[in-house]
Amino acid sequence: MKIAKQILKWIVIILVVACISLVISGKTYIFKAIANTYLKGRSGPSISEYKIFSYHTVLNDSAQNWSSARDFNQHKISAEQRAEFEKYKTTAFFVLKNDSVKYEEYWDGFSDTSHTNSFSMGKSIVSILVGIAIDEHKIKSVDQPIVDFIPEFAVGANAKVTVKHLLTMSSGINFDEDYINPFAYPAAAYYGSDLKALTYEYQVTEEPGKNWKYLSGNTELLGFVLEKATGKSISEYASEKLWKPMGANHPAYWSLDHEGGVEKAYCCFNSNARDFARFGSLYLNQGSWKGKQLVSKLYVQQSIQSADLIDDNGNKNNKYGYSWWLLNYKNHPIYYMRGILGQYVFVIPDKNMVVVRLGHKRSTEKINDHPKDVYLFLDAALAMDEL
């Protein structure tokens, strides 16, 4: 009994010292991270926890509903595929063909009105907004240095960084993109309360424009650039330039670092499968929405071309453009938006298809630098088109 009390005493002392250390270091976001992960039986974030953060509402206007195809939901997911869908805890699968809904299904209590996090699909949304800002001459070009917008960050070698370097993940900034370490940039940005202070701690340590390295901080910097360039929050700009013109059915919610703060631009745009599909349809139609050009065709084309970089495997990059993932599968050139828990919007131009998959989980195994489950969802959609 005495030994047990001694052990308990030392556990309490260690916990108190650890808490004091976190407070002194300013890393109190760890408390929020623990409270919303391990204390809720998870080791990471949830797809539907946007309510634990402050957020800006991305307002919609008059809803434009998708029409249903004549063969709507007639082509089923095979039993083998369905087992895999459920293994990866899919919550939504939505297929557009010729701008009509060919297939739609939801799992686990989710529906066409459920808001869930886009996670890094938000990077592609920010890329679209950058293109619009360039069209409006608020940003001169992708080659404009970010020092023109955020001089408080772009000092020393940081001044070399351009908008294009951020779009293509080639800034050379030493963001630590570690999803396990609770003190690395992703956790600190997601659960922390001062994104600008956090992001401005980092600096260029490699020559920009040479090597591809996936870093969420790059897109956060783009969010700051957009805010300065447009004079609006990126939520306001997205509402005005995309969400309202595209006829979103529901408002979206973009998580902030704190009440009245800035958007987590690299992630955390919360919406539903039907409305996420609008981004894919916009790019499928070369930036045009029902005859109105929302973002220039040229920018769309540049976005889905592989950036001239060396990738993280030492090879010529062929998987990433302006914050869009690129893939050639079964002779189908495909570009897509991607989130860490298996959030996907696939665009298959030669099939005139857009495919949205949302869920709680994705494969940890990669094939040619793409999560293994990507091929599962593409196969299911392509099989529907072949029937």
Protein backbone atom coordinates (compact mmCIF):
# COMPACT_ATOMS: atom_id res chain seq x y z
CA MET A 1 0.00 0.00 0.00
CA LYS A 2 2.86 2.33 0.89
CA ILE A 3 4.58 1.60 -2.45
CA ALA A 4 1.35 2.30 -4.35
CA LYS A 5 1.02 5.67 -2.62
CA GLN A 6 4.61 6.53 -3.51
CA ILE A 7 4.00 5.63 -7.17
CA LEU A 8 0.82 7.72 -7.22
CA LYS A 9 2.67 10.61 -5.60
CA TRP A 10 5.38 10.58 -8.28
CA ILE A 11 2.81 10.30 -11.08
CA VAL A 12 1.07 13.40 -9.72
CA ILE A 13 4.39 15.25 -9.41
CA ILE A 14 5.36 14.34 -12.98
CA LEU A 15 1.96 15.46 -14.31
CA VAL A 16 2.15 18.76 -12.41
CA VAL A 17 5.68 19.44 -13.66
CA ALA A 18 4.63 18.56 -17.23
CA CYS A 19 1.64 20.92 -17.02
CA ILE A 20 3.76 23.73 -15.63
CA SER A 21 6.33 23.16 -18.40
CA LEU A 22 3.61 23.39 -21.06
CA VAL A 23 2.29 26.62 -19.57
CA ILE A 24 5.78 28.17 -19.35
CA SER A 25 6.60 27.12 -22.93
CA GLY A 26 3.31 28.55 -24.24
CA LYS A 27 2.23 25.16 -25.61
CA THR A 28 -1.05 25.05 -23.72
CA TYR A 29 -2.82 23.91 -26.91
CA ILE A 30 -1.66 20.42 -25.88
CA PHE A 31 -4.41 20.42 -23.23
CA LYS A 32 -7.06 21.05 -25.90
CA ALA A 33 -5.51 18.39 -28.12
CA ILE A 34 -5.60 15.76 -25.38
CA ALA A 35 -9.13 16.72 -24.31
CA ASN A 36 -10.43 16.28 -27.86
CA THR A 37 -8.51 13.16 -28.83
CA TYR A 38 -7.33 10.70 -26.16
CA LEU A 39 -9.97 11.71 -23.64
CA LYS A 40 -12.59 11.01 -26.34
CA GLY A 41 -11.09 7.65 -27.28
CA ARG A 42 -9.26 8.86 -30.41
CA SER A 43 -5.62 9.36 -31.30
CA GLY A 44 -6.34 12.16 -33.79
CA PRO A 45 -8.93 14.71 -34.92
CA SER A 46 -12.53 13.95 -35.81
CA ILE A 47 -14.15 14.79 -39.15
CA SER A 48 -17.07 16.56 -37.47
CA GLU A 49 -15.55 18.49 -34.58
CA TYR A 50 -15.69 21.95 -36.16
CA LYS A 51 -17.87 23.14 -33.28
CA ILE A 52 -14.96 22.94 -30.83
CA PHE A 53 -13.32 25.80 -32.76
CA SER A 54 -14.39 29.34 -33.56
CA TYR A 55 -15.25 29.62 -37.24
CA HIS A 56 -16.28 31.99 -40.01
CA THR A 57 -19.40 31.11 -41.96
CA VAL A 58 -18.92 30.90 -45.71
CA LEU A 59 -22.32 32.18 -46.73
CA ASN A 60 -24.31 30.67 -49.56
CA ASP A 61 -27.14 32.28 -51.50
CA SER A 62 -29.66 30.72 -53.89
CA ALA A 63 -29.12 26.97 -53.93
CA GLN A 64 -28.58 25.25 -57.26
CA ASN A 65 -29.54 21.61 -56.89
CA TRP A 66 -27.90 18.82 -58.87
CA SER A 67 -30.19 16.96 -61.26
CA SER A 68 -30.37 13.17 -61.03
CA ALA A 69 -29.23 10.97 -63.90
CA ARG A 70 -31.78 8.66 -65.51
CA ASP A 71 -29.86 5.69 -64.10
CA PHE A 72 -29.44 7.22 -60.63
CA ASN A 73 -28.23 4.59 -58.12
CA GLN A 74 -28.92 1.76 -60.54
CA HIS A 75 -25.26 0.69 -60.64
CA LYS A 76 -24.30 -0.66 -57.24
CA ILE A 77 -20.98 -0.94 -55.46
CA SER A 78 -19.85 -4.58 -55.54
CA ALA A 79 -19.91 -6.60 -52.33
CA GLU A 80 -16.09 -6.73 -52.28
CA GLN A 81 -15.81 -2.99 -52.76
CA ARG A 82 -18.48 -2.32 -50.15
CA ALA A 83 -16.50 -4.30 -47.60
CA GLU A 84 -13.47 -2.13 -48.35
CA PHE A 85 -15.55 1.06 -48.21
CA GLU A 86 -16.70 0.06 -44.76
CA LYS A 87 -13.20 -0.96 -43.65
CA TYR A 88 -12.08 2.60 -44.34
CA LYS A 89 -15.17 3.94 -42.52
CA THR A 90 -16.65 5.73 -45.51
CA THR A 91 -19.40 8.24 -44.70
CA ALA A 92 -20.26 9.51 -48.21
CA PHE A 93 -19.79 8.43 -51.82
CA PHE A 94 -21.11 10.78 -54.49
CA VAL A 95 -20.65 10.48 -58.25
CA LEU A 96 -21.46 13.11 -60.86
CA LYS A 97 -21.58 12.23 -64.54
CA ASN A 98 -22.32 14.96 -67.09
CA ASP A 99 -23.26 17.26 -64.18
CA SER A 100 -25.99 14.84 -63.02
CA VAL A 101 -25.93 12.64 -59.92
CA LYS A 102 -25.20 9.08 -60.95
CA TYR A 103 -24.69 7.61 -57.49
CA GLU A 104 -25.11 8.80 -53.90
CA GLU A 105 -24.85 6.90 -50.63
CA TYR A 106 -24.15 7.71 -46.98
CA TRP A 107 -23.08 5.63 -43.99
CA ASP A 108 -22.76 5.88 -40.22
CA GLY A 109 -25.62 8.34 -39.74
CA PHE A 110 -24.19 10.95 -42.13
CA SER A 111 -26.27 12.54 -44.88
CA ASP A 112 -26.22 15.07 -47.70
CA THR A 113 -26.54 17.85 -45.10
CA SER A 114 -23.79 16.68 -42.73
CA HIS A 115 -20.89 19.07 -42.29
CA THR A 116 -17.50 17.37 -42.08
CA ASN A 117 -13.96 18.65 -42.33
CA SER A 118 -12.21 18.85 -45.68
CA PHE A 119 -8.81 18.74 -43.94
CA SER A 120 -6.19 19.31 -46.67
CA MET A 121 -8.75 19.53 -49.46
CA GLY A 122 -8.80 23.10 -48.16
CA LYS A 123 -5.41 23.62 -49.83
CA SER A 124 -7.02 23.21 -53.25
CA ILE A 125 -9.77 25.68 -52.29
CA VAL A 126 -7.14 28.25 -51.32
CA SER A 127 -5.41 27.63 -54.65
CA ILE A 128 -8.63 28.44 -56.51
CA LEU A 129 -8.98 31.68 -54.51
CA VAL A 130 -5.41 32.63 -55.43
CA GLY A 131 -6.29 32.16 -59.10
CA ILE A 132 -9.31 34.43 -58.73
CA ALA A 133 -7.22 37.07 -56.95
CA ILE A 134 -4.76 36.96 -59.87
CA ASP A 135 -7.62 37.33 -62.36
CA GLU A 136 -8.74 40.40 -60.42
CA HIS A 137 -5.18 41.82 -60.37
CA LYS A 138 -5.12 41.76 -56.59
CA ILE A 139 -2.10 39.50 -56.97
CA LYS A 140 0.11 40.34 -59.96
CA SER A 141 1.01 36.74 -60.82
CA VAL A 142 2.13 33.50 -59.23
CA ASP A 143 5.66 34.88 -59.40
CA GLN A 144 4.95 37.81 -57.08
CA PRO A 145 7.05 37.68 -53.89
CA ILE A 146 5.03 37.26 -50.72
CA VAL A 147 7.08 40.06 -49.13
CA ASP A 148 4.69 42.40 -50.98
CA PHE A 149 1.86 41.16 -48.75
CA ILE A 150 3.39 39.94 -45.50
CA PRO A 151 6.65 41.83 -44.91
CA GLU A 152 6.59 40.83 -41.25
CA PHE A 153 7.33 37.25 -42.34
CA ALA A 154 9.37 37.73 -45.50
CA VAL A 155 12.69 38.86 -44.04
CA GLY A 156 16.11 37.48 -44.88
CA ALA A 157 15.99 34.38 -47.06
CA ASN A 158 12.20 34.28 -46.62
CA ALA A 159 12.00 37.23 -49.03
CA LYS A 160 12.82 34.83 -51.89
CA VAL A 161 9.50 33.01 -51.51
CA THR A 162 6.84 33.63 -54.18
CA VAL A 163 3.17 32.75 -54.40
CA LYS A 164 4.08 29.92 -56.78
CA HIS A 165 6.52 28.42 -54.30
CA LEU A 166 3.71 28.18 -51.76
CA LEU A 167 1.21 26.78 -54.27
CA THR A 168 3.61 24.06 -55.40
CA MET A 169 5.02 23.15 -51.98
CA SER A 170 8.52 24.28 -52.92
CA SER A 171 9.11 27.18 -50.50
CA GLY A 172 12.13 25.64 -48.79
CA ILE A 173 10.69 26.74 -45.42
CA ASN A 174 11.51 24.44 -42.49
CA PHE A 175 7.96 23.65 -41.39
CA ASP A 176 8.00 20.34 -39.51
CA GLU A 177 5.17 18.37 -41.13
CA ASP A 178 5.01 15.61 -38.53
CA TYR A 179 1.59 14.15 -37.74
CA ILE A 180 2.81 12.16 -34.74
CA ASN A 181 4.79 14.76 -32.81
CA PRO A 182 2.32 16.90 -30.79
CA PHE A 183 4.80 19.79 -30.79
CA ALA A 184 5.20 19.91 -34.60
CA TYR A 185 3.48 22.42 -36.88
CA PRO A 186 0.31 20.42 -37.75
CA ALA A 187 -0.82 19.88 -34.14
CA ALA A 188 0.22 23.35 -33.02
CA ALA A 189 -1.62 24.92 -35.95
CA TYR A 190 -4.74 22.79 -35.56
CA TYR A 191 -5.22 23.11 -31.80
CA GLY A 192 -3.30 26.35 -31.17
CA SER A 193 -4.67 29.87 -30.97
CA ASP A 194 -2.20 32.11 -32.84
CA LEU A 195 -1.48 30.92 -36.37
CA LYS A 196 0.43 34.02 -37.42
CA ALA A 197 2.84 33.90 -34.50
CA LEU A 198 3.35 30.17 -35.00
CA THR A 199 3.84 30.35 -38.77
CA TYR A 200 6.21 33.31 -38.60
CA GLU A 201 8.59 31.29 -36.40
CA TYR A 202 9.73 29.31 -39.44
CA GLN A 203 12.19 30.31 -42.14
CA VAL A 204 13.68 29.33 -45.48
CA THR A 205 16.47 26.79 -45.09
CA GLU A 206 16.54 25.44 -48.68
CA GLU A 207 16.55 27.22 -52.02
CA PRO A 208 12.90 27.88 -53.00
CA GLY A 209 11.57 26.48 -56.26
CA LYS A 210 13.75 23.37 -56.37
CA ASN A 211 12.33 20.61 -54.22
CA TRP A 212 8.77 19.51 -53.52
CA LYS A 213 8.03 19.04 -49.85
CA TYR A 214 4.45 18.84 -48.60
CA LEU A 215 4.07 21.46 -45.85
CA SER A 216 0.80 22.78 -44.46
CA GLY A 217 2.44 26.04 -43.42
CA ASN A 218 2.83 26.96 -47.09
CA THR A 219 -0.92 27.12 -47.55
CA GLU A 220 -1.39 28.99 -44.28
CA LEU A 221 0.94 31.66 -45.65
CA LEU A 222 -1.19 31.79 -48.80
CA GLY A 223 -4.17 32.48 -46.57
CA PHE A 224 -2.33 35.48 -45.11
CA VAL A 225 -1.42 36.63 -48.63
CA LEU A 226 -5.06 36.44 -49.74
CA GLU A 227 -6.24 38.34 -46.68
CA LYS A 228 -3.83 41.21 -47.42
CA ALA A 229 -4.38 41.14 -51.19
CA THR A 230 -8.18 41.20 -51.05
CA GLY A 231 -8.77 43.12 -47.83
CA LYS A 232 -11.18 40.37 -46.78
CA SER A 233 -11.06 37.19 -44.78
CA ILE A 234 -10.68 34.15 -47.01
CA SER A 235 -14.13 33.03 -45.84
CA GLU A 236 -15.67 36.27 -47.13
CA TYR A 237 -13.75 36.00 -50.37
CA ALA A 238 -14.72 32.34 -50.84
CA SER A 239 -18.37 33.18 -50.22
CA GLU A 240 -18.39 36.04 -52.72
CA LYS A 241 -16.32 34.40 -55.46
CA LEU A 242 -17.21 30.71 -55.15
CA TRP A 243 -19.85 29.59 -52.66
CA LYS A 244 -22.59 31.97 -53.76
CA PRO A 245 -21.93 31.82 -57.53
CA MET A 246 -21.71 28.01 -57.44
CA GLY A 247 -25.09 27.77 -55.71
CA ALA A 248 -23.98 25.82 -52.65
CA ASN A 249 -26.90 24.21 -50.85
CA HIS A 250 -25.59 25.03 -47.40
CA PRO A 251 -23.25 27.51 -45.75
CA ALA A 252 -19.78 26.17 -45.00
CA TYR A 253 -17.76 26.73 -41.84
CA TRP A 254 -14.06 27.61 -41.95
CA SER A 255 -12.32 27.01 -38.62
CA LEU A 256 -10.31 29.82 -37.02
CA ASP A 257 -7.34 29.86 -34.68
CA HIS A 258 -9.40 31.89 -32.17
CA GLU A 259 -12.53 34.03 -32.00
CA GLY A 260 -12.07 36.87 -34.49
CA GLY A 261 -8.82 35.29 -35.70
CA VAL A 262 -7.67 33.88 -39.04
CA GLU A 263 -8.78 30.79 -40.94
CA LYS A 264 -6.88 27.54 -40.82
CA ALA A 265 -6.32 27.90 -44.54
CA TYR A 266 -4.42 24.64 -44.91
CA CYS A 267 -7.45 22.68 -43.71
CA CYS A 268 -10.75 22.93 -41.93
CA PHE A 269 -13.29 24.01 -44.55
CA ASN A 270 -16.39 22.15 -43.34
CA SER A 271 -19.11 21.19 -45.80
CA ASN A 272 -20.89 18.14 -47.32
CA ALA A 273 -20.40 15.81 -50.27
CA ARG A 274 -22.88 17.54 -52.61
CA ASP A 275 -21.29 20.94 -52.06
CA PHE A 276 -17.69 19.70 -52.12
CA ALA A 277 -18.48 18.29 -55.57
CA ARG A 278 -18.92 21.86 -56.85
CA PHE A 279 -15.17 22.46 -56.67
CA GLY A 280 -14.56 19.41 -58.86
CA SER A 281 -17.26 20.43 -61.33
CA LEU A 282 -15.82 23.96 -61.54
CA TYR A 283 -12.41 22.60 -62.51
CA LEU A 284 -13.89 19.95 -64.80
CA ASN A 285 -15.47 22.84 -66.68
CA GLN A 286 -12.20 24.77 -66.85
CA GLY A 287 -13.17 27.33 -64.22
CA SER A 288 -16.59 28.05 -65.72
CA TRP A 289 -19.83 27.69 -63.76
CA LYS A 290 -22.98 27.63 -65.87
CA GLY A 291 -21.37 29.89 -68.45
CA LYS A 292 -19.75 32.30 -65.97
CA GLN A 293 -15.96 32.18 -65.68
CA LEU A 294 -15.23 32.16 -61.93
CA VAL A 295 -11.49 31.49 -62.31
CA SER A 296 -9.56 31.76 -65.57
CA LYS A 297 -9.15 28.74 -67.80
CA LEU A 298 -5.42 29.42 -67.98
CA TYR A 299 -5.03 29.25 -64.21
CA VAL A 300 -7.03 26.01 -64.04
CA GLN A 301 -4.80 24.46 -66.69
CA GLN A 302 -1.66 25.59 -64.88
CA SER A 303 -3.04 24.22 -61.60
CA ILE A 304 -3.33 20.68 -62.89
CA GLN A 305 0.07 20.50 -64.56
CA SER A 306 2.92 18.95 -62.59
CA ALA A 307 5.25 21.59 -61.16
CA ASP A 308 8.83 21.43 -62.43
CA LEU A 309 10.38 20.17 -59.20
CA ILE A 310 12.23 17.24 -57.67
CA ASP A 311 9.89 15.29 -55.41
CA ASP A 312 10.55 13.78 -51.99
CA ASN A 313 11.78 10.56 -53.60
CA GLY A 314 14.42 12.34 -55.66
CA ASN A 315 12.41 11.96 -58.88
CA LYS A 316 10.89 14.51 -61.21
CA ASN A 317 7.59 15.59 -59.72
CA ASN A 318 4.55 14.23 -61.53
CA LYS A 319 2.05 14.16 -58.66
CA TYR A 320 1.41 17.79 -57.70
CA GLY A 321 0.44 21.05 -59.34
CA TYR A 322 -0.93 24.20 -57.73
CA SER A 323 -2.12 22.38 -54.60
CA TRP A 324 -3.95 19.72 -56.63
CA TRP A 325 -2.84 16.08 -56.65
CA LEU A 326 -2.22 14.48 -60.06
CA LEU A 327 -2.60 10.87 -61.12
CA ASN A 328 -2.80 8.82 -64.31
CA TYR A 329 -4.81 5.68 -63.63
CA LYS A 330 -5.82 3.11 -66.25
CA ASN A 331 -5.01 5.73 -68.92
CA HIS A 332 -7.32 8.27 -67.28
CA PRO A 333 -5.59 11.57 -66.40
CA ILE A 334 -7.06 12.49 -63.00
CA TYR A 335 -6.56 15.41 -60.65
CA TYR A 336 -7.94 15.56 -57.16
CA MET A 337 -8.30 17.22 -53.77
CA ARG A 338 -7.13 15.22 -50.77
CA GLY A 339 -7.57 15.25 -46.99
CA ILE A 340 -5.74 13.26 -44.34
CA LEU A 341 -8.68 11.05 -43.30
CA GLY A 342 -9.66 10.08 -46.82
CA GLN A 343 -11.46 13.21 -47.98
CA TYR A 344 -11.33 13.22 -51.78
CA VAL A 345 -12.78 15.09 -54.74
CA PHE A 346 -11.64 13.34 -57.93
CA VAL A 347 -12.00 14.87 -61.38
CA ILE A 348 -11.90 12.43 -64.32
CA PRO A 349 -12.10 14.69 -67.41
CA ASP A 350 -12.28 12.02 -70.14
CA LYS A 351 -15.30 10.51 -68.36
CA ASN A 352 -16.83 13.90 -67.51
CA MET A 353 -17.02 12.65 -63.93
CA VAL A 354 -16.54 14.08 -60.46
CA VAL A 355 -16.30 11.67 -57.53
CA VAL A 356 -16.50 12.65 -53.86
CA ARG A 357 -15.57 10.32 -51.04
CA LEU A 358 -15.69 11.34 -47.38
CA GLY A 359 -14.90 9.22 -44.35
CA HIS A 360 -13.07 8.65 -41.09
CA LYS A 361 -10.05 6.78 -42.42
CA ARG A 362 -7.73 6.26 -45.36
CA SER A 363 -5.09 3.66 -46.12
CA THR A 364 -1.66 4.11 -44.57
CA GLU A 365 -0.18 2.25 -47.55
CA LYS A 366 0.71 4.22 -50.69
CA ILE A 367 0.99 3.12 -54.30
CA ASN A 368 2.96 5.51 -56.51
CA ASP A 369 2.68 8.18 -53.79
CA HIS A 370 -1.12 7.97 -53.61
CA PRO A 371 -3.00 6.30 -50.71
CA LYS A 372 -4.05 2.78 -51.67
CA ASP A 373 -7.74 3.50 -51.07
CA VAL A 374 -7.69 6.15 -53.83
CA TYR A 375 -7.70 3.32 -56.37
CA LEU A 376 -10.58 1.58 -54.61
CA PHE A 377 -12.86 4.60 -54.92
CA LEU A 378 -11.78 5.30 -58.49
CA ASP A 379 -12.42 1.69 -59.49
CA ALA A 380 -15.91 1.80 -57.99
CA ALA A 381 -16.78 4.99 -59.88
CA LEU A 382 -15.25 3.85 -63.18
CA ALA A 383 -17.09 0.51 -62.96
CA MET A 384 -20.38 2.42 -62.74
CA ASP A 385 -19.55 4.26 -65.93
CA GLU A 386 -18.69 1.07 -67.81
CA LEU A 387 -22.06 -0.57 -67.19
